[in-house]
N, C-alpha and C. Protein backbone atom coordinates (compact mmCIF):
# COMPACT_ATOMS: atom_id res chain seq x y z
N MET A 1 15.32 -3.67 -30.52
CA MET A 1 14.23 -3.94 -31.45
C MET A 1 14.00 -2.70 -32.30
N ASP A 2 13.86 -2.91 -33.56
CA ASP A 2 13.62 -1.81 -34.47
C ASP A 2 12.37 -1.04 -34.03
N PRO A 3 12.46 0.28 -33.91
CA PRO A 3 11.30 1.05 -33.45
C PRO A 3 10.11 1.01 -34.42
N ASN A 4 10.34 0.57 -35.67
CA ASN A 4 9.26 0.47 -36.63
C ASN A 4 8.50 -0.85 -36.55
N ALA A 5 9.05 -1.81 -35.81
CA ALA A 5 8.40 -3.11 -35.68
C ALA A 5 7.19 -2.99 -34.75
N THR A 6 6.13 -3.67 -35.11
CA THR A 6 4.90 -3.68 -34.32
C THR A 6 4.84 -4.99 -33.54
N ILE A 7 4.39 -4.90 -32.31
CA ILE A 7 4.20 -6.09 -31.48
C ILE A 7 2.73 -6.46 -31.52
N LEU A 8 2.44 -7.70 -31.90
CA LEU A 8 1.07 -8.20 -31.99
C LEU A 8 0.84 -9.15 -30.83
N VAL A 9 0.04 -8.74 -29.86
CA VAL A 9 -0.27 -9.56 -28.69
C VAL A 9 -1.57 -10.30 -28.97
N VAL A 10 -1.51 -11.62 -29.00
CA VAL A 10 -2.68 -12.45 -29.30
C VAL A 10 -3.02 -13.24 -28.04
N ASP A 11 -4.08 -12.80 -27.34
CA ASP A 11 -4.47 -13.44 -26.09
C ASP A 11 -5.95 -13.19 -25.86
N ASP A 12 -6.70 -14.24 -25.60
CA ASP A 12 -8.14 -14.09 -25.38
C ASP A 12 -8.47 -13.52 -24.01
N ASP A 13 -7.49 -13.45 -23.12
CA ASP A 13 -7.70 -12.88 -21.79
C ASP A 13 -7.28 -11.41 -21.81
N PRO A 14 -8.25 -10.48 -21.80
CA PRO A 14 -7.88 -9.06 -21.90
C PRO A 14 -7.00 -8.59 -20.75
N GLY A 15 -7.17 -9.19 -19.58
CA GLY A 15 -6.33 -8.83 -18.43
C GLY A 15 -4.88 -9.20 -18.67
N HIS A 16 -4.64 -10.38 -19.20
CA HIS A 16 -3.27 -10.79 -19.51
C HIS A 16 -2.69 -9.90 -20.60
N ALA A 17 -3.49 -9.60 -21.61
CA ALA A 17 -3.00 -8.74 -22.71
C ALA A 17 -2.61 -7.36 -22.18
N ARG A 18 -3.44 -6.79 -21.29
CA ARG A 18 -3.11 -5.49 -20.71
C ARG A 18 -1.84 -5.56 -19.86
N LEU A 19 -1.69 -6.63 -19.07
CA LEU A 19 -0.48 -6.79 -18.26
C LEU A 19 0.76 -6.93 -19.14
N VAL A 20 0.65 -7.65 -20.22
CA VAL A 20 1.77 -7.80 -21.13
C VAL A 20 2.16 -6.43 -21.68
N GLU A 21 1.18 -5.70 -22.19
CA GLU A 21 1.49 -4.38 -22.75
C GLU A 21 2.07 -3.45 -21.69
N LYS A 22 1.45 -3.39 -20.54
CA LYS A 22 1.89 -2.50 -19.46
C LYS A 22 3.34 -2.80 -19.06
N ASN A 23 3.68 -4.07 -18.93
CA ASN A 23 5.02 -4.42 -18.46
C ASN A 23 6.06 -4.37 -19.56
N LEU A 24 5.65 -4.50 -20.81
CA LEU A 24 6.59 -4.23 -21.90
C LEU A 24 6.94 -2.75 -21.90
N ARG A 25 5.94 -1.91 -21.69
CA ARG A 25 6.19 -0.46 -21.63
C ARG A 25 7.13 -0.12 -20.48
N ARG A 26 6.90 -0.74 -19.33
CA ARG A 26 7.76 -0.50 -18.16
C ARG A 26 9.20 -0.90 -18.41
N SER A 27 9.41 -1.86 -19.30
CA SER A 27 10.78 -2.30 -19.60
C SER A 27 11.41 -1.45 -20.69
N GLY A 28 10.70 -0.43 -21.16
CA GLY A 28 11.27 0.51 -22.12
C GLY A 28 10.86 0.28 -23.56
N ILE A 29 9.97 -0.65 -23.82
CA ILE A 29 9.51 -0.90 -25.19
C ILE A 29 8.54 0.22 -25.60
N ALA A 30 8.88 0.93 -26.66
CA ALA A 30 8.04 2.04 -27.13
C ALA A 30 7.33 1.71 -28.45
N ASN A 31 7.55 0.52 -28.96
CA ASN A 31 6.95 0.11 -30.23
C ASN A 31 5.43 0.11 -30.15
N ALA A 32 4.81 0.22 -31.32
CA ALA A 32 3.35 0.09 -31.39
C ALA A 32 2.99 -1.33 -30.97
N ILE A 33 1.93 -1.44 -30.18
CA ILE A 33 1.44 -2.74 -29.72
C ILE A 33 -0.03 -2.83 -30.10
N HIS A 34 -0.38 -3.91 -30.81
CA HIS A 34 -1.78 -4.17 -31.17
C HIS A 34 -2.21 -5.44 -30.46
N ARG A 35 -3.39 -5.40 -29.85
CA ARG A 35 -3.92 -6.56 -29.15
C ARG A 35 -5.02 -7.21 -29.97
N PHE A 36 -5.01 -8.54 -29.97
CA PHE A 36 -6.01 -9.34 -30.66
C PHE A 36 -6.54 -10.39 -29.70
N GLY A 37 -7.85 -10.56 -29.66
CA GLY A 37 -8.47 -11.49 -28.73
C GLY A 37 -8.62 -12.90 -29.26
N SER A 38 -8.23 -13.12 -30.51
CA SER A 38 -8.34 -14.46 -31.08
C SER A 38 -7.34 -14.64 -32.21
N GLY A 39 -7.11 -15.90 -32.54
CA GLY A 39 -6.24 -16.22 -33.66
C GLY A 39 -6.81 -15.72 -34.97
N ALA A 40 -8.13 -15.85 -35.12
CA ALA A 40 -8.77 -15.40 -36.36
C ALA A 40 -8.56 -13.90 -36.57
N GLU A 41 -8.61 -13.12 -35.47
CA GLU A 41 -8.41 -11.67 -35.59
C GLU A 41 -7.01 -11.33 -36.07
N VAL A 42 -6.00 -11.97 -35.49
CA VAL A 42 -4.63 -11.64 -35.90
C VAL A 42 -4.36 -12.11 -37.32
N LEU A 43 -4.90 -13.26 -37.71
CA LEU A 43 -4.71 -13.73 -39.08
C LEU A 43 -5.38 -12.80 -40.09
N ALA A 44 -6.55 -12.28 -39.74
CA ALA A 44 -7.22 -11.31 -40.62
C ALA A 44 -6.38 -10.04 -40.74
N PHE A 45 -5.80 -9.59 -39.64
CA PHE A 45 -4.94 -8.41 -39.66
C PHE A 45 -3.72 -8.66 -40.56
N LEU A 46 -3.09 -9.84 -40.40
CA LEU A 46 -1.90 -10.15 -41.19
C LEU A 46 -2.20 -10.25 -42.67
N ALA A 47 -3.45 -10.51 -43.02
CA ALA A 47 -3.85 -10.60 -44.43
C ALA A 47 -4.34 -9.25 -44.97
N SER A 48 -4.41 -8.24 -44.11
CA SER A 48 -4.96 -6.94 -44.51
C SER A 48 -3.86 -5.98 -44.97
N PRO A 49 -4.24 -4.91 -45.64
CA PRO A 49 -3.27 -3.90 -46.07
C PRO A 49 -2.67 -3.12 -44.89
N GLN A 50 -3.30 -3.19 -43.72
CA GLN A 50 -2.78 -2.48 -42.54
C GLN A 50 -1.50 -3.12 -42.01
N TYR A 51 -1.27 -4.39 -42.36
CA TYR A 51 -0.12 -5.12 -41.85
C TYR A 51 1.16 -4.63 -42.49
N SER A 52 2.12 -4.31 -41.64
CA SER A 52 3.46 -3.97 -42.09
C SER A 52 4.31 -5.22 -41.89
N SER A 53 5.22 -5.49 -42.76
CA SER A 53 5.96 -6.75 -42.70
C SER A 53 6.94 -6.83 -41.54
N GLN A 54 7.05 -5.77 -40.76
CA GLN A 54 7.95 -5.77 -39.63
C GLN A 54 7.13 -5.89 -38.36
N ALA A 55 7.06 -7.10 -37.81
CA ALA A 55 6.25 -7.33 -36.62
C ALA A 55 6.81 -8.51 -35.84
N LEU A 56 6.37 -8.58 -34.61
CA LEU A 56 6.68 -9.69 -33.71
C LEU A 56 5.37 -10.14 -33.11
N VAL A 57 5.15 -11.44 -33.04
CA VAL A 57 3.90 -11.97 -32.52
C VAL A 57 4.15 -12.59 -31.15
N LEU A 58 3.38 -12.15 -30.16
CA LEU A 58 3.34 -12.78 -28.83
C LEU A 58 2.03 -13.56 -28.79
N LEU A 59 2.12 -14.87 -28.78
CA LEU A 59 0.97 -15.73 -29.03
C LEU A 59 0.63 -16.62 -27.84
N ASP A 60 -0.60 -16.50 -27.36
CA ASP A 60 -1.12 -17.43 -26.37
C ASP A 60 -1.57 -18.69 -27.10
N LEU A 61 -1.58 -19.82 -26.42
CA LEU A 61 -2.00 -21.07 -27.06
C LEU A 61 -3.45 -21.41 -26.79
N ASN A 62 -3.85 -21.35 -25.54
CA ASN A 62 -5.18 -21.82 -25.14
C ASN A 62 -6.22 -20.74 -25.34
N MET A 63 -6.75 -20.72 -26.56
CA MET A 63 -7.77 -19.73 -26.90
C MET A 63 -8.97 -20.47 -27.50
N PRO A 64 -10.17 -19.95 -27.28
CA PRO A 64 -11.34 -20.58 -27.90
C PRO A 64 -11.32 -20.37 -29.41
N GLY A 65 -12.00 -21.26 -30.11
CA GLY A 65 -12.04 -21.15 -31.57
C GLY A 65 -10.80 -21.77 -32.17
N MET A 66 -9.83 -20.96 -32.47
CA MET A 66 -8.59 -21.43 -33.10
C MET A 66 -7.48 -21.49 -32.05
N HIS A 67 -6.96 -22.67 -31.82
CA HIS A 67 -5.87 -22.87 -30.86
C HIS A 67 -4.62 -22.16 -31.37
N GLY A 68 -3.78 -21.72 -30.46
CA GLY A 68 -2.57 -21.00 -30.83
C GLY A 68 -1.64 -21.77 -31.74
N GLN A 69 -1.61 -23.10 -31.60
CA GLN A 69 -0.76 -23.89 -32.51
C GLN A 69 -1.27 -23.81 -33.94
N GLN A 70 -2.59 -23.72 -34.11
CA GLN A 70 -3.14 -23.56 -35.46
C GLN A 70 -2.75 -22.20 -36.03
N VAL A 71 -2.79 -21.18 -35.20
CA VAL A 71 -2.39 -19.84 -35.63
C VAL A 71 -0.92 -19.84 -36.01
N LEU A 72 -0.09 -20.44 -35.17
CA LEU A 72 1.35 -20.53 -35.44
C LEU A 72 1.60 -21.24 -36.77
N ALA A 73 0.92 -22.36 -36.99
CA ALA A 73 1.09 -23.10 -38.25
C ALA A 73 0.70 -22.26 -39.45
N ARG A 74 -0.40 -21.53 -39.34
CA ARG A 74 -0.84 -20.68 -40.46
C ARG A 74 0.16 -19.57 -40.74
N ILE A 75 0.69 -18.96 -39.67
CA ILE A 75 1.68 -17.89 -39.85
C ILE A 75 2.93 -18.45 -40.54
N LYS A 76 3.42 -19.57 -40.07
CA LYS A 76 4.68 -20.13 -40.57
C LYS A 76 4.54 -20.82 -41.92
N ASN A 77 3.31 -21.16 -42.33
CA ASN A 77 3.10 -21.80 -43.63
C ASN A 77 2.72 -20.81 -44.73
N ASP A 78 2.66 -19.54 -44.41
CA ASP A 78 2.29 -18.51 -45.37
C ASP A 78 3.56 -17.75 -45.78
N ALA A 79 3.84 -17.73 -47.06
CA ALA A 79 5.05 -17.06 -47.55
C ALA A 79 5.10 -15.59 -47.15
N HIS A 80 3.95 -14.97 -46.97
CA HIS A 80 3.86 -13.55 -46.63
C HIS A 80 4.21 -13.28 -45.16
N THR A 81 4.05 -14.29 -44.29
CA THR A 81 4.24 -14.06 -42.85
C THR A 81 5.26 -15.00 -42.19
N ARG A 82 5.77 -15.97 -42.91
CA ARG A 82 6.64 -16.97 -42.27
C ARG A 82 7.89 -16.38 -41.64
N HIS A 83 8.31 -15.21 -42.09
CA HIS A 83 9.51 -14.57 -41.53
C HIS A 83 9.26 -13.96 -40.15
N LEU A 84 8.00 -13.82 -39.77
CA LEU A 84 7.69 -13.16 -38.50
C LEU A 84 8.18 -13.98 -37.31
N PRO A 85 8.88 -13.35 -36.38
CA PRO A 85 9.22 -14.06 -35.16
C PRO A 85 7.96 -14.24 -34.31
N VAL A 86 7.79 -15.44 -33.78
CA VAL A 86 6.64 -15.74 -32.93
C VAL A 86 7.15 -16.25 -31.59
N ILE A 87 6.74 -15.55 -30.54
CA ILE A 87 7.05 -15.97 -29.18
C ILE A 87 5.75 -16.49 -28.58
N VAL A 88 5.75 -17.76 -28.22
CA VAL A 88 4.59 -18.32 -27.54
C VAL A 88 4.68 -17.91 -26.08
N LEU A 89 3.63 -17.29 -25.59
CA LEU A 89 3.55 -16.82 -24.21
C LEU A 89 2.26 -17.39 -23.64
N THR A 90 2.38 -18.49 -22.89
CA THR A 90 1.20 -19.25 -22.51
C THR A 90 1.33 -19.82 -21.10
N THR A 91 0.21 -20.22 -20.54
CA THR A 91 0.23 -20.87 -19.23
C THR A 91 0.54 -22.35 -19.35
N ALA A 92 0.49 -22.90 -20.55
CA ALA A 92 0.70 -24.34 -20.76
C ALA A 92 2.16 -24.72 -20.49
N GLU A 93 2.34 -25.71 -19.63
CA GLU A 93 3.69 -26.18 -19.32
C GLU A 93 3.94 -27.58 -19.83
N ASP A 94 3.15 -28.02 -20.77
CA ASP A 94 3.24 -29.37 -21.33
C ASP A 94 4.44 -29.46 -22.27
N GLY A 95 5.36 -30.38 -21.94
CA GLY A 95 6.57 -30.53 -22.75
C GLY A 95 6.28 -30.91 -24.19
N ALA A 96 5.27 -31.77 -24.41
CA ALA A 96 4.92 -32.17 -25.78
C ALA A 96 4.38 -30.98 -26.56
N GLU A 97 3.59 -30.14 -25.89
CA GLU A 97 3.06 -28.95 -26.57
C GLU A 97 4.19 -27.99 -26.92
N MET A 98 5.15 -27.84 -26.01
CA MET A 98 6.29 -26.97 -26.29
C MET A 98 7.08 -27.49 -27.47
N ARG A 99 7.36 -28.78 -27.52
CA ARG A 99 8.10 -29.36 -28.66
C ARG A 99 7.35 -29.13 -29.96
N ARG A 100 6.04 -29.32 -29.92
CA ARG A 100 5.23 -29.13 -31.13
C ARG A 100 5.32 -27.68 -31.62
N CYS A 101 5.29 -26.73 -30.70
CA CYS A 101 5.40 -25.31 -31.09
C CYS A 101 6.75 -25.04 -31.77
N TYR A 102 7.81 -25.60 -31.23
CA TYR A 102 9.12 -25.43 -31.88
C TYR A 102 9.14 -26.10 -33.24
N GLU A 103 8.51 -27.27 -33.35
CA GLU A 103 8.44 -27.95 -34.65
C GLU A 103 7.68 -27.10 -35.67
N LEU A 104 6.67 -26.39 -35.20
CA LEU A 104 5.87 -25.54 -36.10
C LEU A 104 6.57 -24.24 -36.45
N GLY A 105 7.65 -23.91 -35.74
CA GLY A 105 8.42 -22.73 -36.10
C GLY A 105 8.43 -21.58 -35.11
N CYS A 106 7.94 -21.79 -33.88
CA CYS A 106 8.02 -20.67 -32.93
C CYS A 106 9.48 -20.39 -32.62
N ASN A 107 9.77 -19.15 -32.29
CA ASN A 107 11.14 -18.76 -32.01
C ASN A 107 11.50 -18.93 -30.55
N PHE A 108 10.54 -18.71 -29.67
CA PHE A 108 10.73 -18.89 -28.22
C PHE A 108 9.42 -19.34 -27.62
N TYR A 109 9.53 -20.05 -26.52
CA TYR A 109 8.35 -20.53 -25.80
C TYR A 109 8.53 -20.12 -24.35
N LEU A 110 7.65 -19.25 -23.86
CA LEU A 110 7.70 -18.79 -22.48
C LEU A 110 6.42 -19.17 -21.76
N THR A 111 6.57 -19.64 -20.54
CA THR A 111 5.41 -19.99 -19.73
C THR A 111 5.04 -18.80 -18.87
N LYS A 112 3.76 -18.41 -18.93
CA LYS A 112 3.26 -17.33 -18.08
C LYS A 112 3.14 -17.86 -16.66
N PRO A 113 3.82 -17.25 -15.72
CA PRO A 113 3.66 -17.67 -14.33
C PRO A 113 2.24 -17.38 -13.83
N VAL A 114 1.79 -18.18 -12.91
CA VAL A 114 0.44 -18.03 -12.35
C VAL A 114 0.37 -16.86 -11.39
N HIS A 115 1.41 -16.66 -10.60
CA HIS A 115 1.41 -15.59 -9.60
C HIS A 115 1.71 -14.24 -10.26
N TYR A 116 0.96 -13.24 -9.85
CA TYR A 116 1.03 -11.91 -10.46
C TYR A 116 2.47 -11.36 -10.50
N ASP A 117 3.16 -11.36 -9.37
CA ASP A 117 4.52 -10.78 -9.33
C ASP A 117 5.47 -11.51 -10.27
N ASP A 118 5.34 -12.82 -10.34
CA ASP A 118 6.19 -13.60 -11.24
C ASP A 118 5.85 -13.31 -12.70
N PHE A 119 4.55 -13.15 -12.98
CA PHE A 119 4.10 -12.80 -14.34
C PHE A 119 4.70 -11.46 -14.75
N VAL A 120 4.60 -10.48 -13.87
CA VAL A 120 5.13 -9.14 -14.15
C VAL A 120 6.64 -9.22 -14.40
N ALA A 121 7.34 -9.96 -13.57
CA ALA A 121 8.80 -10.08 -13.73
C ALA A 121 9.16 -10.75 -15.05
N THR A 122 8.42 -11.78 -15.42
CA THR A 122 8.70 -12.49 -16.67
C THR A 122 8.50 -11.58 -17.88
N VAL A 123 7.40 -10.83 -17.90
CA VAL A 123 7.14 -9.94 -19.04
C VAL A 123 8.14 -8.80 -19.06
N HIS A 124 8.55 -8.32 -17.89
CA HIS A 124 9.57 -7.27 -17.83
C HIS A 124 10.88 -7.78 -18.45
N LYS A 125 11.28 -8.99 -18.10
CA LYS A 125 12.49 -9.58 -18.67
C LYS A 125 12.35 -9.79 -20.18
N LEU A 126 11.16 -10.19 -20.60
CA LEU A 126 10.91 -10.33 -22.04
C LEU A 126 11.10 -8.98 -22.72
N GLY A 127 10.59 -7.92 -22.13
CA GLY A 127 10.76 -6.58 -22.70
C GLY A 127 12.22 -6.18 -22.80
N LEU A 128 13.00 -6.50 -21.78
CA LEU A 128 14.43 -6.20 -21.82
C LEU A 128 15.10 -6.98 -22.96
N PHE A 129 14.70 -8.23 -23.13
CA PHE A 129 15.23 -9.04 -24.23
C PHE A 129 14.85 -8.43 -25.57
N LEU A 130 13.58 -8.06 -25.71
CA LEU A 130 13.13 -7.50 -26.99
C LEU A 130 13.82 -6.18 -27.32
N SER A 131 14.24 -5.46 -26.30
CA SER A 131 14.89 -4.17 -26.55
C SER A 131 16.24 -4.33 -27.23
N ILE A 132 16.82 -5.54 -27.19
CA ILE A 132 18.13 -5.74 -27.82
C ILE A 132 18.11 -6.68 -29.01
N VAL A 133 16.97 -7.30 -29.28
CA VAL A 133 16.89 -8.28 -30.37
C VAL A 133 16.57 -7.58 -31.69
N ALA A 134 17.08 -8.13 -32.77
CA ALA A 134 16.78 -7.58 -34.10
C ALA A 134 15.58 -8.32 -34.69
N ILE A 135 14.67 -7.58 -35.28
CA ILE A 135 13.48 -8.14 -35.90
C ILE A 135 13.64 -8.00 -37.42
N PRO A 136 13.49 -9.11 -38.17
CA PRO A 136 13.67 -9.00 -39.63
C PRO A 136 12.56 -8.20 -40.29
């Protein structure tokens, strides 16, 4: 992953967001990581001058206010952000929801395991994957 790319973690659960960041770091990811507690927050950031066009979004679906699918649709329907890779990282295991996310343009859909050790292992593997993937 390009060291200039920023990782945007969008999750209303601060504990999950911290675990994601901590375990990405453990897997060797040194990129800047910004956490957002809602879809509205990340969309405001993406519309601001602080946003650099090189980013990756890790998006939870089940959030109050704006559902993650709405955030995904807004990102992918905006000419300024549609190029951003979006990885859905959620507890939802609904096949219809997963298909809808792919239809909306997500790049990958990962289910957050319920058990702590499995969650840590999944995020660690995600970090290893991100360390070799190219971000546009």
